[in-house]
mmCIF file of all heavy atoms, coordinates in Angstrom:
data_MODEL
# 
_entry.id   MODEL 
# 
loop_
_atom_site.group_PDB 
_atom_site.id 
_atom_site.type_symbol 
_atom_site.label_atom_id 
_atom_site.label_alt_id 
_atom_site.label_comp_id 
_atom_site.label_asym_id 
_atom_site.label_entity_id 
_atom_site.label_seq_id 
_atom_site.pdbx_PDB_ins_code 
_atom_site.Cartn_x 
_atom_site.Cartn_y 
_atom_site.Cartn_z 
_atom_site.occupancy 
_atom_site.B_iso_or_equiv 
_atom_site.pdbx_formal_charge 
_atom_site.auth_seq_id 
_atom_site.auth_comp_id 
_atom_site.auth_asym_id 
_atom_site.auth_atom_id 
_atom_site.pdbx_PDB_model_num 
ATOM 1   N N   . THR A 1 1  ? 165.491 -120.312 -134.218 1.00 0.00 ? 1  THR A N   1 
ATOM 2   C CA  . THR A 1 1  ? 165.193 -119.149 -133.384 1.00 0.00 ? 1  THR A CA  1 
ATOM 3   C C   . THR A 1 1  ? 164.877 -119.579 -131.949 1.00 0.00 ? 1  THR A C   1 
ATOM 4   O O   . THR A 1 1  ? 165.381 -119.027 -130.983 1.00 0.00 ? 1  THR A O   1 
ATOM 5   C CB  . THR A 1 1  ? 164.061 -118.313 -133.954 1.00 0.00 ? 1  THR A CB  1 
ATOM 6   O OG1 . THR A 1 1  ? 164.376 -117.914 -135.285 1.00 0.00 ? 1  THR A OG1 1 
ATOM 7   C CG2 . THR A 1 1  ? 163.799 -117.094 -133.127 1.00 0.00 ? 1  THR A CG2 1 
ATOM 8   N N   . ALA A 1 2  ? 163.991 -120.543 -131.828 1.00 0.00 ? 2  ALA A N   1 
ATOM 9   C CA  . ALA A 1 2  ? 163.567 -121.041 -130.485 1.00 0.00 ? 2  ALA A CA  1 
ATOM 10  C C   . ALA A 1 2  ? 164.765 -121.614 -129.713 1.00 0.00 ? 2  ALA A C   1 
ATOM 11  O O   . ALA A 1 2  ? 164.917 -121.360 -128.497 1.00 0.00 ? 2  ALA A O   1 
ATOM 12  C CB  . ALA A 1 2  ? 162.493 -122.074 -130.616 1.00 0.00 ? 2  ALA A CB  1 
ATOM 13  N N   . ALA A 1 3  ? 165.680 -122.314 -130.389 1.00 0.00 ? 3  ALA A N   1 
ATOM 14  C CA  . ALA A 1 3  ? 166.797 -122.903 -129.713 1.00 0.00 ? 3  ALA A CA  1 
ATOM 15  C C   . ALA A 1 3  ? 167.741 -121.794 -129.211 1.00 0.00 ? 3  ALA A C   1 
ATOM 16  O O   . ALA A 1 3  ? 168.280 -121.879 -128.082 1.00 0.00 ? 3  ALA A O   1 
ATOM 17  C CB  . ALA A 1 3  ? 167.552 -123.851 -130.678 1.00 0.00 ? 3  ALA A CB  1 
ATOM 18  N N   . LEU A 1 4  ? 167.931 -120.766 -130.010 1.00 0.00 ? 4  LEU A N   1 
ATOM 19  C CA  . LEU A 1 4  ? 168.773 -119.661 -129.587 1.00 0.00 ? 4  LEU A CA  1 
ATOM 20  C C   . LEU A 1 4  ? 168.226 -118.963 -128.373 1.00 0.00 ? 4  LEU A C   1 
ATOM 21  O O   . LEU A 1 4  ? 168.923 -118.699 -127.404 1.00 0.00 ? 4  LEU A O   1 
ATOM 22  C CB  . LEU A 1 4  ? 168.938 -118.641 -130.763 1.00 0.00 ? 4  LEU A CB  1 
ATOM 23  C CG  . LEU A 1 4  ? 169.837 -119.137 -131.930 1.00 0.00 ? 4  LEU A CG  1 
ATOM 24  C CD1 . LEU A 1 4  ? 169.683 -118.184 -133.094 1.00 0.00 ? 4  LEU A CD1 1 
ATOM 25  C CD2 . LEU A 1 4  ? 171.311 -119.176 -131.488 1.00 0.00 ? 4  LEU A CD2 1 
ATOM 26  N N   . TYR A 1 5  ? 166.935 -118.665 -128.411 1.00 0.00 ? 5  TYR A N   1 
ATOM 27  C CA  . TYR A 1 5  ? 166.330 -117.947 -127.253 1.00 0.00 ? 5  TYR A CA  1 
ATOM 28  C C   . TYR A 1 5  ? 166.179 -118.861 -126.051 1.00 0.00 ? 5  TYR A C   1 
ATOM 29  O O   . TYR A 1 5  ? 166.189 -118.361 -124.926 1.00 0.00 ? 5  TYR A O   1 
ATOM 30  C CB  . TYR A 1 5  ? 164.953 -117.355 -127.661 1.00 0.00 ? 5  TYR A CB  1 
ATOM 31  C CG  . TYR A 1 5  ? 165.091 -116.068 -128.378 1.00 0.00 ? 5  TYR A CG  1 
ATOM 32  C CD1 . TYR A 1 5  ? 164.648 -115.915 -129.682 1.00 0.00 ? 5  TYR A CD1 1 
ATOM 33  C CD2 . TYR A 1 5  ? 165.606 -114.945 -127.745 1.00 0.00 ? 5  TYR A CD2 1 
ATOM 34  C CE1 . TYR A 1 5  ? 164.756 -114.724 -130.368 1.00 0.00 ? 5  TYR A CE1 1 
ATOM 35  C CE2 . TYR A 1 5  ? 165.756 -113.745 -128.421 1.00 0.00 ? 5  TYR A CE2 1 
ATOM 36  C CZ  . TYR A 1 5  ? 165.317 -113.654 -129.719 1.00 0.00 ? 5  TYR A CZ  1 
ATOM 37  O OH  . TYR A 1 5  ? 165.447 -112.440 -130.407 1.00 0.00 ? 5  TYR A OH  1 
ATOM 38  N N   . ASP A 1 6  ? 166.068 -120.164 -126.266 1.00 0.00 ? 6  ASP A N   1 
ATOM 39  C CA  . ASP A 1 6  ? 165.995 -121.108 -125.140 1.00 0.00 ? 6  ASP A CA  1 
ATOM 40  C C   . ASP A 1 6  ? 167.325 -121.158 -124.415 1.00 0.00 ? 6  ASP A C   1 
ATOM 41  O O   . ASP A 1 6  ? 167.396 -121.430 -123.208 1.00 0.00 ? 6  ASP A O   1 
ATOM 42  C CB  . ASP A 1 6  ? 165.609 -122.490 -125.629 1.00 0.00 ? 6  ASP A CB  1 
ATOM 43  C CG  . ASP A 1 6  ? 165.141 -123.384 -124.511 1.00 0.00 ? 6  ASP A CG  1 
ATOM 44  O OD1 . ASP A 1 6  ? 164.510 -122.855 -123.566 1.00 0.00 ? 6  ASP A OD1 1 
ATOM 45  O OD2 . ASP A 1 6  ? 165.368 -124.552 -124.568 1.00 0.00 ? 6  ASP A OD2 1 
ATOM 46  N N   . GLY A 1 7  ? 168.406 -120.910 -125.128 1.00 0.00 ? 7  GLY A N   1 
ATOM 47  C CA  . GLY A 1 7  ? 169.747 -120.973 -124.547 1.00 0.00 ? 7  GLY A CA  1 
ATOM 48  C C   . GLY A 1 7  ? 170.268 -119.661 -124.056 1.00 0.00 ? 7  GLY A C   1 
ATOM 49  O O   . GLY A 1 7  ? 171.346 -119.600 -123.446 1.00 0.00 ? 7  GLY A O   1 
ATOM 50  N N   . LEU A 1 8  ? 169.525 -118.575 -124.249 1.00 0.00 ? 8  LEU A N   1 
ATOM 51  C CA  . LEU A 1 8  ? 170.013 -117.253 -123.857 1.00 0.00 ? 8  LEU A CA  1 
ATOM 52  C C   . LEU A 1 8  ? 168.847 -116.503 -123.158 1.00 0.00 ? 8  LEU A C   1 
ATOM 53  O O   . LEU A 1 8  ? 167.756 -116.425 -123.651 1.00 0.00 ? 8  LEU A O   1 
ATOM 54  C CB  . LEU A 1 8  ? 170.460 -116.449 -125.069 1.00 0.00 ? 8  LEU A CB  1 
ATOM 55  C CG  . LEU A 1 8  ? 171.748 -116.949 -125.724 1.00 0.00 ? 8  LEU A CG  1 
ATOM 56  C CD1 . LEU A 1 8  ? 171.908 -116.330 -127.078 1.00 0.00 ? 8  LEU A CD1 1 
ATOM 57  C CD2 . LEU A 1 8  ? 172.966 -116.629 -124.855 1.00 0.00 ? 8  LEU A CD2 1 
ATOM 58  N N   . GLU A 1 9  ? 169.114 -115.988 -122.007 1.00 0.00 ? 9  GLU A N   1 
ATOM 59  C CA  . GLU A 1 9  ? 168.187 -115.170 -121.179 1.00 0.00 ? 9  GLU A CA  1 
ATOM 60  C C   . GLU A 1 9  ? 168.439 -113.733 -121.468 1.00 0.00 ? 9  GLU A C   1 
ATOM 61  O O   . GLU A 1 9  ? 169.484 -113.195 -121.045 1.00 0.00 ? 9  GLU A O   1 
ATOM 62  C CB  . GLU A 1 9  ? 168.329 -115.494 -119.697 1.00 0.00 ? 9  GLU A CB  1 
ATOM 63  C CG  . GLU A 1 9  ? 167.379 -114.732 -118.831 1.00 0.00 ? 9  GLU A CG  1 
ATOM 64  C CD  . GLU A 1 9  ? 165.956 -115.235 -118.951 1.00 0.00 ? 9  GLU A CD  1 
ATOM 65  O OE1 . GLU A 1 9  ? 165.755 -116.473 -119.104 1.00 0.00 ? 9  GLU A OE1 1 
ATOM 66  O OE2 . GLU A 1 9  ? 165.003 -114.408 -118.927 1.00 0.00 ? 9  GLU A OE2 1 
ATOM 67  N N   . LEU A 1 10 ? 167.522 -113.069 -122.204 1.00 0.00 ? 10 LEU A N   1 
ATOM 68  C CA  . LEU A 1 10 ? 167.731 -111.637 -122.516 1.00 0.00 ? 10 LEU A CA  1 
ATOM 69  C C   . LEU A 1 10 ? 167.703 -110.805 -121.211 1.00 0.00 ? 10 LEU A C   1 
ATOM 70  O O   . LEU A 1 10 ? 166.909 -111.041 -120.316 1.00 0.00 ? 10 LEU A O   1 
ATOM 71  C CB  . LEU A 1 10 ? 166.657 -111.167 -123.482 1.00 0.00 ? 10 LEU A CB  1 
ATOM 72  C CG  . LEU A 1 10 ? 166.694 -111.726 -124.872 1.00 0.00 ? 10 LEU A CG  1 
ATOM 73  C CD1 . LEU A 1 10 ? 165.624 -111.074 -125.717 1.00 0.00 ? 10 LEU A CD1 1 
ATOM 74  C CD2 . LEU A 1 10 ? 168.062 -111.577 -125.530 1.00 0.00 ? 10 LEU A CD2 1 
ATOM 75  N N   . ARG A 1 11 ? 168.538 -109.806 -121.201 1.00 0.00 ? 11 ARG A N   1 
ATOM 76  C CA  . ARG A 1 11 ? 168.571 -108.880 -120.113 1.00 0.00 ? 11 ARG A CA  1 
ATOM 77  C C   . ARG A 1 11 ? 167.559 -107.770 -120.376 1.00 0.00 ? 11 ARG A C   1 
ATOM 78  O O   . ARG A 1 11 ? 167.688 -107.043 -121.375 1.00 0.00 ? 11 ARG A O   1 
ATOM 79  C CB  . ARG A 1 11 ? 169.958 -108.289 -119.874 1.00 0.00 ? 11 ARG A CB  1 
ATOM 80  C CG  . ARG A 1 11 ? 171.012 -109.314 -119.411 1.00 0.00 ? 11 ARG A CG  1 
ATOM 81  C CD  . ARG A 1 11 ? 172.371 -108.702 -119.292 1.00 0.00 ? 11 ARG A CD  1 
ATOM 82  N NE  . ARG A 1 11 ? 173.382 -109.625 -118.864 1.00 0.00 ? 11 ARG A NE  1 
ATOM 83  C CZ  . ARG A 1 11 ? 174.650 -109.362 -118.776 1.00 0.00 ? 11 ARG A CZ  1 
ATOM 84  N NH1 . ARG A 1 11 ? 175.099 -108.163 -119.162 1.00 0.00 ? 11 ARG A NH1 1 
ATOM 85  N NH2 . ARG A 1 11 ? 175.476 -110.307 -118.396 1.00 0.00 ? 11 ARG A NH2 1 
ATOM 86  N N   . TYR A 1 12 ? 166.621 -107.557 -119.493 1.00 0.00 ? 12 TYR A N   1 
ATOM 87  C CA  . TYR A 1 12 ? 165.698 -106.453 -119.633 1.00 0.00 ? 12 TYR A CA  1 
ATOM 88  C C   . TYR A 1 12 ? 166.502 -105.132 -119.591 1.00 0.00 ? 12 TYR A C   1 
ATOM 89  O O   . TYR A 1 12 ? 167.447 -105.031 -118.773 1.00 0.00 ? 12 TYR A O   1 
ATOM 90  C CB  . TYR A 1 12 ? 164.642 -106.503 -118.505 1.00 0.00 ? 12 TYR A CB  1 
ATOM 91  C CG  . TYR A 1 12 ? 163.669 -105.359 -118.544 1.00 0.00 ? 12 TYR A CG  1 
ATOM 92  C CD1 . TYR A 1 12 ? 162.552 -105.443 -119.367 1.00 0.00 ? 12 TYR A CD1 1 
ATOM 93  C CD2 . TYR A 1 12 ? 163.836 -104.239 -117.759 1.00 0.00 ? 12 TYR A CD2 1 
ATOM 94  C CE1 . TYR A 1 12 ? 161.646 -104.393 -119.451 1.00 0.00 ? 12 TYR A CE1 1 
ATOM 95  C CE2 . TYR A 1 12 ? 162.932 -103.229 -117.808 1.00 0.00 ? 12 TYR A CE2 1 
ATOM 96  C CZ  . TYR A 1 12 ? 161.837 -103.270 -118.655 1.00 0.00 ? 12 TYR A CZ  1 
ATOM 97  O OH  . TYR A 1 12 ? 160.932 -102.256 -118.693 1.00 0.00 ? 12 TYR A OH  1 
ATOM 98  N N   . PRO A 1 13 ? 166.220 -104.155 -120.526 1.00 0.00 ? 13 PRO A N   1 
ATOM 99  C CA  . PRO A 1 13 ? 165.044 -103.975 -121.352 1.00 0.00 ? 13 PRO A CA  1 
ATOM 100 C C   . PRO A 1 13 ? 165.178 -104.435 -122.781 1.00 0.00 ? 13 PRO A C   1 
ATOM 101 O O   . PRO A 1 13 ? 164.470 -103.916 -123.659 1.00 0.00 ? 13 PRO A O   1 
ATOM 102 C CB  . PRO A 1 13 ? 164.851 -102.457 -121.271 1.00 0.00 ? 13 PRO A CB  1 
ATOM 103 C CG  . PRO A 1 13 ? 166.229 -101.924 -121.255 1.00 0.00 ? 13 PRO A CG  1 
ATOM 104 C CD  . PRO A 1 13 ? 167.069 -102.884 -120.460 1.00 0.00 ? 13 PRO A CD  1 
ATOM 105 N N   . VAL A 1 14 ? 166.081 -105.389 -123.089 1.00 0.00 ? 14 VAL A N   1 
ATOM 106 C CA  . VAL A 1 14 ? 166.154 -105.892 -124.472 1.00 0.00 ? 14 VAL A CA  1 
ATOM 107 C C   . VAL A 1 14 ? 164.866 -106.653 -124.815 1.00 0.00 ? 14 VAL A C   1 
ATOM 108 O O   . VAL A 1 14 ? 164.396 -107.456 -124.005 1.00 0.00 ? 14 VAL A O   1 
ATOM 109 C CB  . VAL A 1 14 ? 167.377 -106.811 -124.649 1.00 0.00 ? 14 VAL A CB  1 
ATOM 110 C CG1 . VAL A 1 14 ? 167.434 -107.360 -126.067 1.00 0.00 ? 14 VAL A CG1 1 
ATOM 111 C CG2 . VAL A 1 14 ? 168.635 -106.025 -124.333 1.00 0.00 ? 14 VAL A CG2 1 
ATOM 112 N N   . HIS A 1 15 ? 164.307 -106.382 -126.003 1.00 0.00 ? 15 HIS A N   1 
ATOM 113 C CA  . HIS A 1 15 ? 163.076 -107.041 -126.410 1.00 0.00 ? 15 HIS A CA  1 
ATOM 114 C C   . HIS A 1 15 ? 163.461 -108.229 -127.321 1.00 0.00 ? 15 HIS A C   1 
ATOM 115 O O   . HIS A 1 15 ? 164.387 -108.178 -128.070 1.00 0.00 ? 15 HIS A O   1 
ATOM 116 C CB  . HIS A 1 15 ? 162.205 -106.071 -127.196 1.00 0.00 ? 15 HIS A CB  1 
ATOM 117 C CG  . HIS A 1 15 ? 160.797 -106.525 -127.420 1.00 0.00 ? 15 HIS A CG  1 
ATOM 118 N ND1 . HIS A 1 15 ? 160.491 -107.429 -128.418 1.00 0.00 ? 15 HIS A ND1 1 
ATOM 119 C CD2 . HIS A 1 15 ? 159.668 -106.258 -126.757 1.00 0.00 ? 15 HIS A CD2 1 
ATOM 120 C CE1 . HIS A 1 15 ? 159.186 -107.697 -128.350 1.00 0.00 ? 15 HIS A CE1 1 
ATOM 121 N NE2 . HIS A 1 15 ? 158.659 -107.016 -127.361 1.00 0.00 ? 15 HIS A NE2 1 
ATOM 122 N N   . PRO A 1 16 ? 162.705 -109.338 -127.215 1.00 0.00 ? 16 PRO A N   1 
ATOM 123 C CA  . PRO A 1 16 ? 163.104 -110.559 -127.929 1.00 0.00 ? 16 PRO A CA  1 
ATOM 124 C C   . PRO A 1 16 ? 162.902 -110.487 -129.422 1.00 0.00 ? 16 PRO A C   1 
ATOM 125 O O   . PRO A 1 16 ? 163.457 -111.317 -130.180 1.00 0.00 ? 16 PRO A O   1 
ATOM 126 C CB  . PRO A 1 16 ? 162.212 -111.655 -127.332 1.00 0.00 ? 16 PRO A CB  1 
ATOM 127 C CG  . PRO A 1 16 ? 161.049 -110.929 -126.752 1.00 0.00 ? 16 PRO A CG  1 
ATOM 128 C CD  . PRO A 1 16 ? 161.585 -109.622 -126.303 1.00 0.00 ? 16 PRO A CD  1 
ATOM 129 N N   . HIS A 1 17 ? 162.074 -109.586 -129.952 1.00 0.00 ? 17 HIS A N   1 
ATOM 130 C CA  . HIS A 1 17 ? 161.828 -109.560 -131.382 1.00 0.00 ? 17 HIS A CA  1 
ATOM 131 C C   . HIS A 1 17 ? 163.034 -108.969 -132.078 1.00 0.00 ? 17 HIS A C   1 
ATOM 132 O O   . HIS A 1 17 ? 163.664 -108.062 -131.602 1.00 0.00 ? 17 HIS A O   1 
ATOM 133 C CB  . HIS A 1 17 ? 160.575 -108.702 -131.712 1.00 0.00 ? 17 HIS A CB  1 
ATOM 134 C CG  . HIS A 1 17 ? 159.313 -109.364 -131.248 1.00 0.00 ? 17 HIS A CG  1 
ATOM 135 N ND1 . HIS A 1 17 ? 158.085 -108.798 -131.519 1.00 0.00 ? 17 HIS A ND1 1 
ATOM 136 C CD2 . HIS A 1 17 ? 159.043 -110.488 -130.586 1.00 0.00 ? 17 HIS A CD2 1 
ATOM 137 C CE1 . HIS A 1 17 ? 157.133 -109.554 -131.027 1.00 0.00 ? 17 HIS A CE1 1 
ATOM 138 N NE2 . HIS A 1 17 ? 157.711 -110.581 -130.434 1.00 0.00 ? 17 HIS A NE2 1 
ATOM 139 N N   . ALA A 1 18 ? 163.371 -109.570 -133.243 1.00 0.00 ? 18 ALA A N   1 
ATOM 140 C CA  . ALA A 1 18 ? 164.399 -109.067 -134.139 1.00 0.00 ? 18 ALA A CA  1 
ATOM 141 C C   . ALA A 1 18 ? 165.762 -109.702 -133.902 1.00 0.00 ? 18 ALA A C   1 
ATOM 142 O O   . ALA A 1 18 ? 166.196 -110.504 -134.699 1.00 0.00 ? 18 ALA A O   1 
ATOM 143 C CB  . ALA A 1 18 ? 164.536 -107.543 -134.133 1.00 0.00 ? 18 ALA A CB  1 
ATOM 144 N N   . GLY A 1 19 ? 166.451 -109.428 -132.780 1.00 0.00 ? 19 GLY A N   1 
ATOM 145 C CA  . GLY A 1 19 ? 167.850 -109.823 -132.568 1.00 0.00 ? 19 GLY A CA  1 
ATOM 146 C C   . GLY A 1 19 ? 168.224 -111.198 -133.096 1.00 0.00 ? 19 GLY A C   1 
ATOM 147 O O   . GLY A 1 19 ? 168.738 -111.383 -134.197 1.00 0.00 ? 19 GLY A O   1 
ATOM 148 N N   . LEU A 1 20 ? 167.963 -112.212 -132.288 1.00 0.00 ? 20 LEU A N   1 
ATOM 149 C CA  . LEU A 1 20 ? 168.268 -113.607 -132.659 1.00 0.00 ? 20 LEU A CA  1 
ATOM 150 C C   . LEU A 1 20 ? 167.286 -114.144 -133.725 1.00 0.00 ? 20 LEU A C   1 
ATOM 151 O O   . LEU A 1 20 ? 167.598 -115.084 -134.424 1.00 0.00 ? 20 LEU A O   1 
ATOM 152 C CB  . LEU A 1 20 ? 168.290 -114.483 -131.417 1.00 0.00 ? 20 LEU A CB  1 
ATOM 153 C CG  . LEU A 1 20 ? 169.370 -114.209 -130.421 1.00 0.00 ? 20 LEU A CG  1 
ATOM 154 C CD1 . LEU A 1 20 ? 169.089 -114.962 -129.115 1.00 0.00 ? 20 LEU A CD1 1 
ATOM 155 C CD2 . LEU A 1 20 ? 170.695 -114.588 -130.971 1.00 0.00 ? 20 LEU A CD2 1 
ATOM 156 N N   . ALA A 1 21 ? 166.115 -113.507 -133.784 1.00 0.00 ? 21 ALA A N   1 
ATOM 157 C CA  . ALA A 1 21 ? 165.120 -113.934 -134.815 1.00 0.00 ? 21 ALA A CA  1 
ATOM 158 C C   . ALA A 1 21 ? 165.668 -113.755 -136.210 1.00 0.00 ? 21 ALA A C   1 
ATOM 159 O O   . ALA A 1 21 ? 165.313 -114.520 -137.116 1.00 0.00 ? 21 ALA A O   1 
ATOM 160 C CB  . ALA A 1 21 ? 163.818 -113.178 -134.618 1.00 0.00 ? 21 ALA A CB  1 
ATOM 161 N N   . GLY A 1 22 ? 166.492 -112.763 -136.426 1.00 0.00 ? 22 GLY A N   1 
ATOM 162 C CA  . GLY A 1 22 ? 167.075 -112.557 -137.731 1.00 0.00 ? 22 GLY A CA  1 
ATOM 163 C C   . GLY A 1 22 ? 168.001 -113.684 -138.154 1.00 0.00 ? 22 GLY A C   1 
ATOM 164 O O   . GLY A 1 22 ? 168.044 -114.100 -139.298 1.00 0.00 ? 22 GLY A O   1 
ATOM 165 N N   . VAL A 1 23 ? 168.692 -114.275 -137.159 1.00 0.00 ? 23 VAL A N   1 
ATOM 166 C CA  . VAL A 1 23 ? 169.542 -115.409 -137.435 1.00 0.00 ? 23 VAL A CA  1 
ATOM 167 C C   . VAL A 1 23 ? 168.673 -116.637 -137.774 1.00 0.00 ? 23 VAL A C   1 
ATOM 168 O O   . VAL A 1 23 ? 168.923 -117.339 -138.754 1.00 0.00 ? 23 VAL A O   1 
ATOM 169 C CB  . VAL A 1 23 ? 170.461 -115.717 -136.220 1.00 0.00 ? 23 VAL A CB  1 
ATOM 170 C CG1 . VAL A 1 23 ? 171.354 -116.913 -136.538 1.00 0.00 ? 23 VAL A CG1 1 
ATOM 171 C CG2 . VAL A 1 23 ? 171.292 -114.490 -135.896 1.00 0.00 ? 23 VAL A CG2 1 
ATOM 172 N N   . GLY A 1 24 ? 167.635 -116.812 -137.025 1.00 0.00 ? 24 GLY A N   1 
ATOM 173 C CA  . GLY A 1 24 ? 166.742 -117.965 -137.257 1.00 0.00 ? 24 GLY A CA  1 
ATOM 174 C C   . GLY A 1 24 ? 166.006 -117.818 -138.576 1.00 0.00 ? 24 GLY A C   1 
ATOM 175 O O   . GLY A 1 24 ? 165.823 -118.765 -139.337 1.00 0.00 ? 24 GLY A O   1 
ATOM 176 N N   . ALA A 1 25 ? 165.646 -116.574 -138.911 1.00 0.00 ? 25 ALA A N   1 
ATOM 177 C CA  . ALA A 1 25 ? 164.910 -116.320 -140.197 1.00 0.00 ? 25 ALA A CA  1 
ATOM 178 C C   . ALA A 1 25 ? 165.763 -116.691 -141.386 1.00 0.00 ? 25 ALA A C   1 
ATOM 179 O O   . ALA A 1 25 ? 165.262 -117.217 -142.378 1.00 0.00 ? 25 ALA A O   1 
ATOM 180 C CB  . ALA A 1 25 ? 164.458 -114.873 -140.232 1.00 0.00 ? 25 ALA A CB  1 
ATOM 181 N N   . VAL A 1 26 ? 167.051 -116.359 -141.353 1.00 0.00 ? 26 VAL A N   1 
ATOM 182 C CA  . VAL A 1 26 ? 167.914 -116.643 -142.514 1.00 0.00 ? 26 VAL A CA  1 
ATOM 183 C C   . VAL A 1 26 ? 168.182 -118.160 -142.633 1.00 0.00 ? 26 VAL A C   1 
ATOM 184 O O   . VAL A 1 26 ? 168.376 -118.677 -143.695 1.00 0.00 ? 26 VAL A O   1 
ATOM 185 C CB  . VAL A 1 26 ? 169.231 -115.820 -142.467 1.00 0.00 ? 26 VAL A CB  1 
ATOM 186 C CG1 . VAL A 1 26 ? 170.256 -116.434 -141.569 1.00 0.00 ? 26 VAL A CG1 1 
ATOM 187 C CG2 . VAL A 1 26 ? 169.774 -115.660 -143.897 1.00 0.00 ? 26 VAL A CG2 1 
# 
């Protein structure tokens, strides 16, 4: 999860919880 978010800058107003975290969680 951290690697995915480190490589992608979310565009506001997207919130960081859920989206890529679901990929990391699985």
